[in-house]
């Protein structure tokens, strides 16, 4: 098996050296080039084709985000961003994920001997995840072709006020539970931007560092007709509301006399994650299985596969994003292997299914018509009829 070839781009000589040492001492990977900034990197990329690029955000002459956008439009290569992982850097890091970065990792430091192995392993795991991505699925369109996935313009002030008004938040025992990881930030933005303002309440676990989830929720809230917020303990699941699990904590669904709420709790990692999709799905299976749609989206690993099987066994309608539209088919693929998936669906088809879920007659029509849910046009025709 060939080594994963890595290019490191960072204006700090110390960071370049530390990252190179970590990578070169890991099994199955090697640094094939380093660059002080993207301008030097562009010259080297004419001669070298790395499998993965480690990229800093703030650099002289050209910042990492400008270079990332150029790269994903012209010559997609899986990128791992190297960030300080502070709340201050969260918007820039989220922008990087939106532009096609596969992972965000913290810059290596030497705080304590105990922390170093964890930091090193995080970097190594991120590189391996990035190397598994098909670069073609990261490509951004040429500027004159419009953004893909297209996102509606920022909602007007009146629309933002309206979607946060109490009368637009109707209590419901129905729930759409979503789990996503690598590639999920773009996929979730695509889907949530296309939901109706009064769609079924949504609970989301997106694997993301703790400092990012609040900014991620704010970003989604700015493009979705629904209200999107980082979940707080005791939040009610209501039509027109999307709750994003906070980084570093699990989110659990609770049924209180027929109405659904979320509990936000600390705890150990489950399926190597906190928050965990398995935790969300298992709690939904116990709280409102027959009234739940479970969706597992693009991502590396198997978090959510066992929880989706429990959801399915308890009577929920379960959906896996199809391989063609996934950045990484790991999580949906493992869910299919577990036997807990009712149907697969393209990313484009998901908003149609989700909007129909709170309208039982329409939803039954979509399913009973036997339309292949990976066939977006067939779903759209049914939804419009």
Protein backbone atom coordinates (compact mmCIF):
# COMPACT_ATOMS: atom_id res chain seq x y z
CA UNK A 1 0.00 0.00 0.00
CA UNK A 2 1.50 3.33 -1.06
CA UNK A 3 2.14 6.11 1.41
CA UNK A 4 -0.21 9.07 1.66
CA UNK A 5 1.72 12.00 0.18
CA UNK A 6 1.24 15.23 2.17
CA UNK A 7 2.11 18.86 1.45
CA UNK A 8 2.38 21.22 4.45
CA UNK A 9 1.66 24.94 3.88
CA UNK A 10 2.33 27.21 6.89
CA UNK A 11 4.28 30.43 7.35
CA UNK A 12 5.76 29.20 10.66
CA UNK A 13 8.97 27.21 10.23
CA UNK A 14 8.38 25.60 13.64
CA UNK A 15 4.87 24.44 12.71
CA UNK A 16 6.10 23.09 9.38
CA UNK A 17 8.81 21.13 11.18
CA UNK A 18 6.53 19.78 13.90
CA UNK A 19 3.85 18.71 11.40
CA UNK A 20 6.48 17.11 9.18
CA UNK A 21 7.86 15.13 12.13
CA UNK A 22 4.37 13.92 13.11
CA UNK A 23 3.51 12.87 9.57
CA UNK A 24 6.84 11.26 8.70
CA UNK A 25 6.79 9.18 11.89
CA UNK A 26 3.25 7.89 11.20
CA UNK A 27 2.70 4.63 9.37
CA UNK A 28 1.69 4.96 5.74
CA UNK A 29 2.26 8.69 5.16
CA UNK A 30 5.05 11.08 4.27
CA UNK A 31 5.63 14.78 3.65
CA UNK A 32 6.57 15.30 0.02
CA UNK A 33 6.70 19.12 0.07
CA UNK A 34 6.47 22.13 2.37
CA UNK A 35 5.72 25.76 1.51
CA UNK A 36 5.85 29.02 3.43
CA UNK A 37 2.63 30.29 1.80
CA UNK A 38 0.19 29.46 -1.03
CA UNK A 39 2.20 31.41 -3.62
CA UNK A 40 5.17 29.07 -3.16
CA UNK A 41 2.78 26.12 -2.92
CA UNK A 42 1.25 26.88 -6.33
CA UNK A 43 4.67 26.67 -7.94
CA UNK A 44 5.38 23.33 -6.28
CA UNK A 45 1.98 21.92 -7.24
CA UNK A 46 2.98 22.21 -10.90
CA UNK A 47 5.55 19.46 -10.26
CA UNK A 48 4.12 17.55 -7.27
CA UNK A 49 0.65 16.02 -6.79
CA UNK A 50 0.08 15.39 -3.07
CA UNK A 51 -2.80 13.25 -1.82
CA UNK A 52 -3.54 15.67 1.03
CA UNK A 53 -2.63 19.29 1.84
CA UNK A 54 -2.23 20.62 5.38
CA UNK A 55 -3.12 24.32 5.16
CA UNK A 56 -2.86 27.23 7.59
CA UNK A 57 -5.55 29.94 7.54
CA UNK A 58 -3.59 33.14 8.21
CA UNK A 59 -0.52 33.60 6.00
CA UNK A 60 1.25 36.47 4.20
CA UNK A 61 0.70 37.27 0.51
CA UNK A 62 -2.31 34.90 0.21
CA UNK A 63 -4.49 33.63 3.04
CA UNK A 64 -5.48 29.99 3.31
CA UNK A 65 -9.16 30.52 2.50
CA UNK A 66 -8.42 32.34 -0.76
CA UNK A 67 -6.07 29.56 -1.78
CA UNK A 68 -8.55 26.88 -0.73
CA UNK A 69 -11.29 28.36 -2.91
CA UNK A 70 -8.92 28.61 -5.87
CA UNK A 71 -7.76 25.02 -5.33
CA UNK A 72 -11.28 23.59 -5.15
CA UNK A 73 -12.31 25.35 -8.34
CA UNK A 74 -9.22 24.57 -10.39
CA UNK A 75 -7.47 21.50 -8.97
CA UNK A 76 -9.33 19.80 -6.09
CA UNK A 77 -7.04 18.11 -3.55
CA UNK A 78 -8.31 17.02 -0.11
CA UNK A 79 -7.34 19.67 2.44
CA UNK A 80 -6.95 19.55 6.22
CA UNK A 81 -7.01 23.04 7.73
CA UNK A 82 -4.65 23.74 10.63
CA UNK A 83 -6.36 26.22 12.98
CA UNK A 84 -5.91 27.48 16.52
CA UNK A 85 -9.43 26.15 17.16
CA UNK A 86 -10.58 29.14 19.14
CA UNK A 87 -14.05 30.64 19.08
CA UNK A 88 -12.52 33.67 17.36
CA UNK A 89 -11.37 31.48 14.46
CA UNK A 90 -14.63 29.52 14.21
CA UNK A 91 -16.21 31.61 11.38
CA UNK A 92 -13.05 31.28 9.27
CA UNK A 93 -12.88 27.55 9.96
CA UNK A 94 -16.55 27.11 9.04
CA UNK A 95 -15.90 29.04 5.85
CA UNK A 96 -13.09 26.58 5.12
CA UNK A 97 -15.44 23.61 5.55
CA UNK A 98 -17.97 25.32 3.27
CA UNK A 99 -15.29 25.72 0.61
CA UNK A 100 -14.47 22.01 0.71
CA UNK A 101 -11.91 21.47 3.48
CA UNK A 102 -12.30 17.92 4.76
CA UNK A 103 -11.20 18.41 8.37
CA UNK A 104 -10.10 21.12 10.82
CA UNK A 105 -7.37 20.28 13.36
CA UNK A 106 -5.63 22.29 16.04
CA UNK A 107 -2.06 23.40 15.58
CA UNK A 108 0.30 21.10 17.45
CA UNK A 109 1.65 22.44 20.72
CA UNK A 110 3.78 21.12 23.55
CA UNK A 111 1.60 21.94 26.54
CA UNK A 112 2.05 18.64 28.35
CA UNK A 113 3.49 15.23 27.51
CA UNK A 114 0.02 13.72 28.00
CA UNK A 115 -1.59 15.99 25.40
CA UNK A 116 0.98 15.49 22.64
CA UNK A 117 0.00 11.92 21.69
CA UNK A 118 -3.67 12.97 21.45
CA UNK A 119 -2.81 15.96 19.26
CA UNK A 120 -0.60 13.83 17.03
CA UNK A 121 -3.27 11.17 16.61
CA UNK A 122 -5.90 13.79 15.74
CA UNK A 123 -3.68 15.11 12.95
CA UNK A 124 -2.91 11.61 11.65
CA UNK A 125 -6.59 10.60 11.70
CA UNK A 126 -7.58 13.79 9.84
CA UNK A 127 -5.02 13.11 7.11
CA UNK A 128 -6.24 9.53 6.70
CA UNK A 129 -9.84 10.74 6.48
CA UNK A 130 -8.91 13.32 3.85
CA UNK A 131 -6.98 10.75 1.83
CA UNK A 132 -10.14 8.61 1.60
CA UNK A 133 -12.13 11.39 -0.09
CA UNK A 134 -12.73 11.41 -3.84
CA UNK A 135 -11.29 14.81 -4.88
CA UNK A 136 -13.85 15.16 -7.67
CA UNK A 137 -16.63 15.47 -5.06
CA UNK A 138 -14.89 18.50 -3.55
CA UNK A 139 -14.85 20.58 -6.72
CA UNK A 140 -16.49 23.99 -6.60
CA UNK A 141 -18.08 25.25 -9.82
CA UNK A 142 -16.56 27.96 -11.96
CA UNK A 143 -17.68 31.36 -10.75
CA UNK A 144 -19.94 31.98 -13.74
CA UNK A 145 -21.85 28.73 -13.09
CA UNK A 146 -23.23 29.70 -9.69
CA UNK A 147 -22.64 27.96 -6.37
CA UNK A 148 -23.25 24.25 -5.96
CA UNK A 149 -24.94 23.48 -3.74
CA UNK A 150 -26.82 26.70 -4.30
CA UNK A 151 -27.89 28.53 -1.15
CA UNK A 152 -30.65 31.13 -1.09
CA UNK A 153 -29.68 34.69 -0.38
CA UNK A 154 -29.61 35.73 3.26
CA UNK A 155 -33.12 36.02 4.63
CA UNK A 156 -34.56 39.50 4.97
CA UNK A 157 -34.90 41.09 8.40
CA UNK A 158 -38.68 40.58 8.29
CA UNK A 159 -38.26 36.90 7.46
CA UNK A 160 -35.77 36.41 10.30
CA UNK A 161 -38.13 38.06 12.79
CA UNK A 162 -41.06 36.00 11.51
CA UNK A 163 -39.35 32.64 11.83
CA UNK A 164 -38.41 33.38 15.44
CA UNK A 165 -41.94 34.43 16.39
CA UNK A 166 -43.64 32.08 18.90
CA UNK A 167 -46.66 31.44 16.67
CA UNK A 168 -44.37 29.85 14.07
CA UNK A 169 -43.08 27.31 16.61
CA UNK A 170 -45.77 24.65 16.98
CA UNK A 171 -45.23 21.78 19.39
CA UNK A 172 -45.17 18.41 17.63
CA UNK A 173 -44.49 14.80 18.50
CA UNK A 174 -42.85 14.33 15.10
CA UNK A 175 -39.08 14.52 14.69
CA UNK A 176 -36.43 14.38 12.01
CA UNK A 177 -33.12 13.20 13.51
CA UNK A 178 -29.99 13.73 11.40
CA UNK A 179 -26.42 12.53 11.83
CA UNK A 180 -23.49 13.73 9.71
CA UNK A 181 -19.72 14.03 9.75
CA UNK A 182 -17.15 14.68 7.00
CA UNK A 183 -18.82 16.73 4.26
CA UNK A 184 -21.86 17.30 6.46
CA UNK A 185 -21.51 21.05 6.88
CA UNK A 186 -22.13 21.63 3.18
CA UNK A 187 -24.78 18.91 2.95
CA UNK A 188 -26.72 20.26 5.93
CA UNK A 189 -26.63 23.80 4.57
CA UNK A 190 -27.97 22.55 1.24
CA UNK A 191 -30.86 20.70 2.89
CA UNK A 192 -31.84 23.19 5.60
CA UNK A 193 -31.86 26.10 3.13
CA UNK A 194 -34.59 24.28 1.22
CA UNK A 195 -36.96 23.36 4.04
CA UNK A 196 -40.32 25.04 4.55
CA UNK A 197 -40.57 27.42 7.48
CA UNK A 198 -43.07 25.12 9.22
CA UNK A 199 -41.36 21.80 8.51
CA UNK A 200 -41.08 19.08 11.17
CA UNK A 201 -38.67 19.86 14.00
CA UNK A 202 -35.11 18.67 13.38
CA UNK A 203 -32.37 17.49 15.77
CA UNK A 204 -28.86 17.34 14.30
CA UNK A 205 -25.59 15.78 15.39
CA UNK A 206 -22.72 17.03 13.21
CA UNK A 207 -19.25 15.93 14.26
CA UNK A 208 -17.54 19.24 14.93
CA UNK A 209 -15.14 20.76 17.50
CA UNK A 210 -16.76 22.33 20.55
CA UNK A 211 -15.80 25.89 19.60
CA UNK A 212 -17.59 25.69 16.24
CA UNK A 213 -21.15 24.52 16.83
CA UNK A 214 -22.60 27.85 17.97
CA UNK A 215 -21.15 29.64 14.91
CA UNK A 216 -22.30 26.76 12.69
CA UNK A 217 -25.86 27.08 14.01
CA UNK A 218 -25.79 30.83 13.40
CA UNK A 219 -24.60 30.27 9.84
CA UNK A 220 -27.39 27.78 9.15
CA UNK A 221 -29.95 30.09 10.75
CA UNK A 222 -28.95 32.82 8.29
CA UNK A 223 -29.81 30.68 5.25
CA UNK A 224 -32.70 28.51 6.44
CA UNK A 225 -36.39 29.50 6.59
CA UNK A 226 -36.49 27.50 9.84
CA UNK A 227 -35.10 28.72 13.14
CA UNK A 228 -31.70 27.08 13.72
CA UNK A 229 -29.96 27.23 17.10
CA UNK A 230 -27.35 25.42 19.13
CA UNK A 231 -29.35 23.16 21.44
CA UNK A 232 -29.70 24.02 25.10
CA UNK A 233 -30.84 21.62 27.81
CA UNK A 234 -34.64 21.53 27.87
CA UNK A 235 -35.22 22.98 24.38
CA UNK A 236 -38.49 21.82 22.86
CA UNK A 237 -38.59 20.14 19.47
CA UNK A 238 -41.14 22.10 17.45
CA UNK A 239 -42.18 22.58 13.86
CA UNK A 240 -40.02 25.24 12.27
CA UNK A 241 -37.03 24.67 14.60
CA UNK A 242 -33.66 22.96 14.07
CA UNK A 243 -31.51 22.08 17.09
CA UNK A 244 -27.76 21.51 16.61
CA UNK A 245 -26.04 19.37 19.25
CA UNK A 246 -23.33 21.36 21.07
CA UNK A 247 -19.78 20.16 20.50
CA UNK A 248 -18.42 18.14 23.38
CA UNK A 249 -21.86 17.08 24.72
CA UNK A 250 -24.42 14.43 23.84
CA UNK A 251 -27.96 15.38 22.78
CA UNK A 252 -30.82 13.10 23.85
CA UNK A 253 -34.50 13.21 22.83
CA UNK A 254 -37.06 12.95 25.66
CA UNK A 255 -40.82 12.44 25.45
CA UNK A 256 -42.75 14.40 28.07
CA UNK A 257 -46.46 13.63 27.92
CA UNK A 258 -46.40 13.41 24.12
CA UNK A 259 -44.21 16.45 23.50
CA UNK A 260 -40.55 16.16 22.57
CA UNK A 261 -37.62 17.93 24.20
CA UNK A 262 -33.85 17.56 24.14
CA UNK A 263 -31.51 17.00 27.04
CA UNK A 264 -27.89 18.10 26.62
CA UNK A 265 -25.55 15.99 28.73
CA UNK A 266 -21.84 15.39 29.29
CA UNK A 267 -20.52 11.86 29.13
CA UNK A 268 -17.90 9.61 27.59
CA UNK A 269 -17.46 9.32 23.86
CA UNK A 270 -19.82 6.90 22.14
CA UNK A 271 -18.73 5.36 18.83
CA UNK A 272 -15.61 7.54 19.26
CA UNK A 273 -17.62 10.78 19.25
CA UNK A 274 -19.25 13.31 21.56
CA UNK A 275 -21.85 14.29 20.46
CA UNK A 276 -22.67 10.89 18.99
CA UNK A 277 -25.23 10.10 16.30
CA UNK A 278 -25.84 6.72 17.94
CA UNK A 279 -26.89 8.46 21.16
CA UNK A 280 -29.33 10.74 19.32
CA UNK A 281 -30.85 7.90 17.27
CA UNK A 282 -31.19 5.52 20.21
CA UNK A 283 -32.95 8.16 22.30
CA UNK A 284 -35.30 8.95 19.41
CA UNK A 285 -36.08 5.24 19.08
CA UNK A 286 -37.18 5.22 22.72
CA UNK A 287 -38.97 8.57 22.71
CA UNK A 288 -40.91 8.66 19.43
CA UNK A 289 -39.81 5.94 17.04
CA UNK A 290 -43.00 5.67 14.98
CA UNK A 291 -43.09 9.47 14.59
CA UNK A 292 -39.41 9.84 13.64
CA UNK A 293 -37.52 10.06 10.38
CA UNK A 294 -33.86 9.19 10.88
CA UNK A 295 -31.36 10.44 8.30
CA UNK A 296 -27.68 9.50 8.13
CA UNK A 297 -25.53 11.64 5.87
CA UNK A 298 -22.00 11.77 4.53
CA UNK A 299 -19.24 10.95 7.00
CA UNK A 300 -16.27 8.77 7.93
CA UNK A 301 -16.69 5.84 10.32
CA UNK A 302 -19.74 4.04 11.69
CA UNK A 303 -21.32 6.41 14.21
CA UNK A 304 -25.09 6.21 13.80
CA UNK A 305 -25.21 2.79 12.09
CA UNK A 306 -26.28 0.88 15.20
CA UNK A 307 -28.60 3.65 16.34
CA UNK A 308 -30.31 3.72 12.96
CA UNK A 309 -30.89 -0.04 13.17
CA UNK A 310 -32.59 0.51 16.55
CA UNK A 311 -34.69 3.29 15.05
CA UNK A 312 -35.73 1.09 12.15
CA UNK A 313 -36.52 -1.89 14.40
CA UNK A 314 -38.72 0.38 16.53
CA UNK A 315 -40.77 1.52 13.52
CA UNK A 316 -39.06 4.71 12.30
CA UNK A 317 -38.63 5.66 8.64
CA UNK A 318 -34.88 5.72 8.01
CA UNK A 319 -32.91 7.28 5.16
CA UNK A 320 -29.25 7.03 4.11
CA UNK A 321 -27.68 9.57 1.78
CA UNK A 322 -26.73 7.78 -1.43
CA UNK A 323 -23.12 7.12 -2.32
CA UNK A 324 -23.14 9.33 -5.42
CA UNK A 325 -23.82 12.50 -3.40
CA UNK A 326 -21.62 11.72 -0.36
CA UNK A 327 -18.16 13.17 0.18
CA UNK A 328 -17.47 9.97 2.16
CA UNK A 329 -19.90 7.06 2.13
CA UNK A 330 -18.64 5.61 5.42
CA UNK A 331 -21.53 6.28 7.83
CA UNK A 332 -24.36 5.68 5.34
CA UNK A 333 -22.59 2.60 4.02
CA UNK A 334 -22.22 1.09 7.50
CA UNK A 335 -25.88 1.83 8.25
CA UNK A 336 -26.86 -0.07 5.11
CA UNK A 337 -24.66 -2.99 6.21
CA UNK A 338 -26.44 -3.04 9.58
CA UNK A 339 -29.78 -3.41 7.80
CA UNK A 340 -31.44 -0.38 9.39
CA UNK A 341 -32.09 1.72 6.26
CA UNK A 342 -35.57 2.03 4.76
CA UNK A 343 -34.35 3.82 1.63
CA UNK A 344 -31.43 5.73 0.18
CA UNK A 345 -31.85 9.27 -1.09
CA UNK A 346 -29.78 11.78 -3.03
CA UNK A 347 -28.86 15.01 -1.29
CA UNK A 348 -31.14 16.86 -3.71
CA UNK A 349 -34.10 14.62 -2.84
CA UNK A 350 -33.81 14.98 0.92
CA UNK A 351 -35.53 18.39 1.31
CA UNK A 352 -38.54 17.01 -0.60
CA UNK A 353 -38.88 14.05 1.77
CA UNK A 354 -38.32 16.21 4.85
CA UNK A 355 -40.85 18.85 3.83
CA UNK A 356 -43.41 16.12 3.17
CA UNK A 357 -42.86 14.37 6.52
CA UNK A 358 -45.16 16.72 8.45
CA UNK A 359 -47.86 16.22 5.80
CA UNK A 360 -48.80 12.53 6.20
CA UNK A 361 -50.90 12.25 3.02
CA UNK A 362 -48.18 13.73 0.84
CA UNK A 363 -45.52 11.66 2.55
CA UNK A 364 -47.49 8.44 2.05
CA UNK A 365 -47.97 9.38 -1.61
CA UNK A 366 -44.25 9.85 -2.08
CA UNK A 367 -43.46 6.49 -0.53
CA UNK A 368 -46.38 4.42 -1.85
CA UNK A 369 -45.79 5.73 -5.39
CA UNK A 370 -42.57 3.76 -5.26
CA UNK A 371 -40.48 6.66 -6.51
CA UNK A 372 -36.79 5.90 -6.25
CA UNK A 373 -35.77 8.48 -3.65
CA UNK A 374 -32.43 8.90 -5.35
CA UNK A 375 -34.43 10.21 -8.31
CA UNK A 376 -34.87 13.85 -7.37
CA UNK A 377 -37.04 14.84 -10.33
CA UNK A 378 -39.59 12.11 -9.59
CA UNK A 379 -39.82 13.26 -5.99
CA UNK A 380 -40.21 16.88 -7.00
CA UNK A 381 -43.05 16.03 -9.41
CA UNK A 382 -44.90 14.12 -6.70
CA UNK A 383 -44.40 16.92 -4.18
CA UNK A 384 -45.78 19.49 -6.59
CA UNK A 385 -48.85 17.41 -7.46
